[in-house]
């Protein structure tokens, strides 16, 4: 994915799709982004939606917010962002430390969400 070879990322991802470790991995997010990069928003959204599990997958769901912004689904992006903001309030201090980068990025996205 990082080298821009989105097709190979999709081919590999399809081979791994049934593997338990791939199901909720950060690599699955890259798999979803690869579809987007190849203009297949439907499959990208399908994969992001599978990762959109309330109370978990915080990084994945933050990436879903970014994806929704990219496809101009601003209202849905705002709704998911607001849900994530509520989940941040319920996190322990340890969880907030673990997700520090994603939380900061999500807060920065708020500016874009409310333009």
C-alpha atoms as a PDB file:
ATOM      1  CA  UNK A   1       0.000   0.000   0.000  1.00  0.00           C
ATOM      2  CA  UNK A   2       2.654   2.504   1.032  1.00  0.00           C
ATOM      3  CA  UNK A   3       4.469   2.092  -2.278  1.00  0.00           C
ATOM      4  CA  UNK A   4       1.276   2.888  -4.181  1.00  0.00           C
ATOM      5  CA  UNK A   5       0.695  -0.681  -5.361  1.00  0.00           C
ATOM      6  CA  UNK A   6      -2.967  -0.736  -4.395  1.00  0.00           C
ATOM      7  CA  UNK A   7      -3.890  -3.634  -6.657  1.00  0.00           C
ATOM      8  CA  UNK A   8      -1.333  -5.922  -4.990  1.00  0.00           C
ATOM      9  CA  UNK A   9      -2.624  -4.807  -1.604  1.00  0.00           C
ATOM     10  CA  UNK A  10      -6.131  -5.846  -2.609  1.00  0.00           C
ATOM     11  CA  UNK A  11      -4.957  -9.185  -4.013  1.00  0.00           C
ATOM     12  CA  UNK A  12      -3.074  -9.953  -0.794  1.00  0.00           C
ATOM     13  CA  UNK A  13      -5.940  -8.707   1.357  1.00  0.00           C
ATOM     14  CA  UNK A  14      -8.393 -10.990  -0.424  1.00  0.00           C
ATOM     15  CA  UNK A  15      -6.117 -13.933   0.366  1.00  0.00           C
ATOM     16  CA  UNK A  16      -6.053 -12.930   4.039  1.00  0.00           C
ATOM     17  CA  UNK A  17      -9.714 -11.947   4.414  1.00  0.00           C
ATOM     18  CA  UNK A  18     -10.687 -15.090   6.316  1.00  0.00           C
ATOM     19  CA  UNK A  19      -7.652 -15.062   8.614  1.00  0.00           C
ATOM     20  CA  UNK A  20      -8.578 -14.152  12.201  1.00  0.00           C
ATOM     21  CA  UNK A  21      -5.592 -11.804  12.658  1.00  0.00           C
ATOM     22  CA  UNK A  22      -6.557  -9.839   9.541  1.00  0.00           C
ATOM     23  CA  UNK A  23     -10.195  -9.348  10.500  1.00  0.00           C
ATOM     24  CA  UNK A  24      -9.639  -6.290  12.738  1.00  0.00           C
ATOM     25  CA  UNK A  25      -6.056  -5.406  11.857  1.00  0.00           C
ATOM     26  CA  UNK A  26      -4.680  -2.042  10.805  1.00  0.00           C
ATOM     27  CA  UNK A  27      -3.719  -3.780   7.560  1.00  0.00           C
ATOM     28  CA  UNK A  28      -7.446  -4.231   6.904  1.00  0.00           C
ATOM     29  CA  UNK A  29      -7.715  -0.428   6.969  1.00  0.00           C
ATOM     30  CA  UNK A  30      -5.030  -0.238   4.263  1.00  0.00           C
ATOM     31  CA  UNK A  31      -6.972  -2.867   2.328  1.00  0.00           C
ATOM     32  CA  UNK A  32     -10.048  -0.617   2.488  1.00  0.00           C
ATOM     33  CA  UNK A  33      -8.048   2.488   1.492  1.00  0.00           C
ATOM     34  CA  UNK A  34      -6.650   0.558  -1.489  1.00  0.00           C
ATOM     35  CA  UNK A  35     -10.154   0.132  -2.882  1.00  0.00           C
ATOM     36  CA  UNK A  36     -10.715   3.863  -2.460  1.00  0.00           C
ATOM     37  CA  UNK A  37      -7.455   4.679  -4.240  1.00  0.00           C
ATOM     38  CA  UNK A  38      -8.623   2.531  -7.171  1.00  0.00           C
ATOM     39  CA  UNK A  39     -11.977   4.384  -7.223  1.00  0.00           C
ATOM     40  CA  UNK A  40     -13.971   1.472  -5.810  1.00  0.00           C
ATOM     41  CA  UNK A  41     -15.739   3.386  -3.051  1.00  0.00           C
ATOM     42  CA  UNK A  42     -18.344   0.655  -2.602  1.00  0.00           C
ATOM     43  CA  UNK A  43     -15.820  -2.002  -1.564  1.00  0.00           C
ATOM     44  CA  UNK A  44     -13.857   0.529   0.459  1.00  0.00           C
ATOM     45  CA  UNK A  45     -16.961   1.474   2.404  1.00  0.00           C
ATOM     46  CA  UNK A  46     -17.955  -2.166   2.856  1.00  0.00           C
ATOM     47  CA  UNK A  47     -14.595  -2.887   4.486  1.00  0.00           C
ATOM     48  CA  UNK A  48     -14.622   0.240   6.640  1.00  0.00           C
ATOM     49  CA  UNK A  49     -18.141  -0.606   7.776  1.00  0.00           C
ATOM     50  CA  UNK A  50     -17.016  -4.096   8.845  1.00  0.00           C
ATOM     51  CA  UNK A  51     -14.395  -2.417  11.046  1.00  0.00           C
ATOM     52  CA  UNK A  52     -16.902   0.031  12.535  1.00  0.00           C
ATOM     53  CA  UNK A  53     -17.504  -1.779  15.818  1.00  0.00           C
ATOM     54  CA  UNK A  54     -18.719   0.416  18.634  1.00  0.00           C
ATOM     55  CA  UNK A  55     -16.410   0.531  21.638  1.00  0.00           C
ATOM     56  CA  UNK A  56     -13.438  -0.946  19.783  1.00  0.00           C
ATOM     57  CA  UNK A  57     -11.286  -0.419  16.665  1.00  0.00           C
ATOM     58  CA  UNK A  58     -10.789   3.264  17.476  1.00  0.00           C
ATOM     59  CA  UNK A  59      -8.026   3.806  14.900  1.00  0.00           C
ATOM     60  CA  UNK A  60     -10.039   1.988  12.233  1.00  0.00           C
ATOM     61  CA  UNK A  61     -13.123   4.074  12.906  1.00  0.00           C
ATOM     62  CA  UNK A  62     -11.128   7.306  12.853  1.00  0.00           C
ATOM     63  CA  UNK A  63      -9.928   6.254   9.399  1.00  0.00           C
ATOM     64  CA  UNK A  64     -13.551   5.601   8.446  1.00  0.00           C
ATOM     65  CA  UNK A  65     -14.345   9.222   9.369  1.00  0.00           C
ATOM     66  CA  UNK A  66     -11.551  10.334   7.020  1.00  0.00           C
ATOM     67  CA  UNK A  67     -12.911   8.073   4.279  1.00  0.00           C
ATOM     68  CA  UNK A  68     -16.424   9.473   4.691  1.00  0.00           C
ATOM     69  CA  UNK A  69     -15.012  12.978   4.321  1.00  0.00           C
ATOM     70  CA  UNK A  70     -13.182  11.922   1.160  1.00  0.00           C
ATOM     71  CA  UNK A  71     -16.400  10.665  -0.426  1.00  0.00           C
ATOM     72  CA  UNK A  72     -18.225  13.785   0.798  1.00  0.00           C
ATOM     73  CA  UNK A  73     -20.483  11.980   3.240  1.00  0.00           C
ATOM     74  CA  UNK A  74     -20.003  14.847   5.683  1.00  0.00           C
ATOM     75  CA  UNK A  75     -23.095  14.222   7.805  1.00  0.00           C
ATOM     76  CA  UNK A  76     -22.204  10.568   8.354  1.00  0.00           C
ATOM     77  CA  UNK A  77     -18.614  11.592   9.120  1.00  0.00           C
ATOM     78  CA  UNK A  78     -19.858  14.086  11.717  1.00  0.00           C
ATOM     79  CA  UNK A  79     -22.127  11.481  13.314  1.00  0.00           C
ATOM     80  CA  UNK A  80     -19.339   8.913  13.601  1.00  0.00           C
ATOM     81  CA  UNK A  81     -16.919  11.548  14.855  1.00  0.00           C
ATOM     82  CA  UNK A  82     -19.376  12.601  17.559  1.00  0.00           C
ATOM     83  CA  UNK A  83     -19.830   8.975  18.596  1.00  0.00           C
ATOM     84  CA  UNK A  84     -16.059   8.571  18.837  1.00  0.00           C
ATOM     85  CA  UNK A  85     -15.818  11.769  20.897  1.00  0.00           C
ATOM     86  CA  UNK A  86     -18.316  10.257  23.337  1.00  0.00           C
ATOM     87  CA  UNK A  87     -16.283   7.050  23.488  1.00  0.00           C
ATOM     88  CA  UNK A  88     -13.146   9.074  24.287  1.00  0.00           C
ATOM     89  CA  UNK A  89     -14.918  10.407  27.375  1.00  0.00           C
ATOM     90  CA  UNK A  90     -15.520   6.823  28.531  1.00  0.00           C
ATOM     91  CA  UNK A  91     -11.930   5.670  27.988  1.00  0.00           C
ATOM     92  CA  UNK A  92      -9.606   4.985  30.858  1.00  0.00           C
ATOM     93  CA  UNK A  93      -6.424   7.042  31.038  1.00  0.00           C
ATOM     94  CA  UNK A  94      -4.526   3.996  29.730  1.00  0.00           C
ATOM     95  CA  UNK A  95      -6.822   3.717  26.688  1.00  0.00           C
ATOM     96  CA  UNK A  96      -6.442   7.426  25.978  1.00  0.00           C
ATOM     97  CA  UNK A  97      -2.654   7.028  26.050  1.00  0.00           C
ATOM     98  CA  UNK A  98      -2.826   4.046  23.700  1.00  0.00           C
ATOM     99  CA  UNK A  99      -5.005   5.979  21.258  1.00  0.00           C
ATOM    100  CA  UNK A 100      -3.327   9.367  21.754  1.00  0.00           C
ATOM    101  CA  UNK A 101      -2.377   9.869  18.083  1.00  0.00           C
ATOM    102  CA  UNK A 102      -5.794   8.853  16.768  1.00  0.00           C
ATOM    103  CA  UNK A 103      -7.535  11.086  19.311  1.00  0.00           C
ATOM    104  CA  UNK A 104      -5.387  14.066  18.294  1.00  0.00           C
ATOM    105  CA  UNK A 105      -6.048  13.384  14.619  1.00  0.00           C
ATOM    106  CA  UNK A 106      -9.780  13.036  15.234  1.00  0.00           C
ATOM    107  CA  UNK A 107      -9.844  16.353  17.087  1.00  0.00           C
ATOM    108  CA  UNK A 108      -7.985  17.995  14.202  1.00  0.00           C
ATOM    109  CA  UNK A 109     -10.562  16.571  11.788  1.00  0.00           C
ATOM    110  CA  UNK A 110     -13.324  18.423  13.662  1.00  0.00           C
ATOM    111  CA  UNK A 111     -12.292  21.615  11.910  1.00  0.00           C
ATOM    112  CA  UNK A 112     -12.845  19.981   8.533  1.00  0.00           C
ATOM    113  CA  UNK A 113     -16.067  18.335   9.667  1.00  0.00           C
ATOM    114  CA  UNK A 114     -17.762  21.594  10.596  1.00  0.00           C
ATOM    115  CA  UNK A 115     -16.784  23.863   7.709  1.00  0.00           C
END
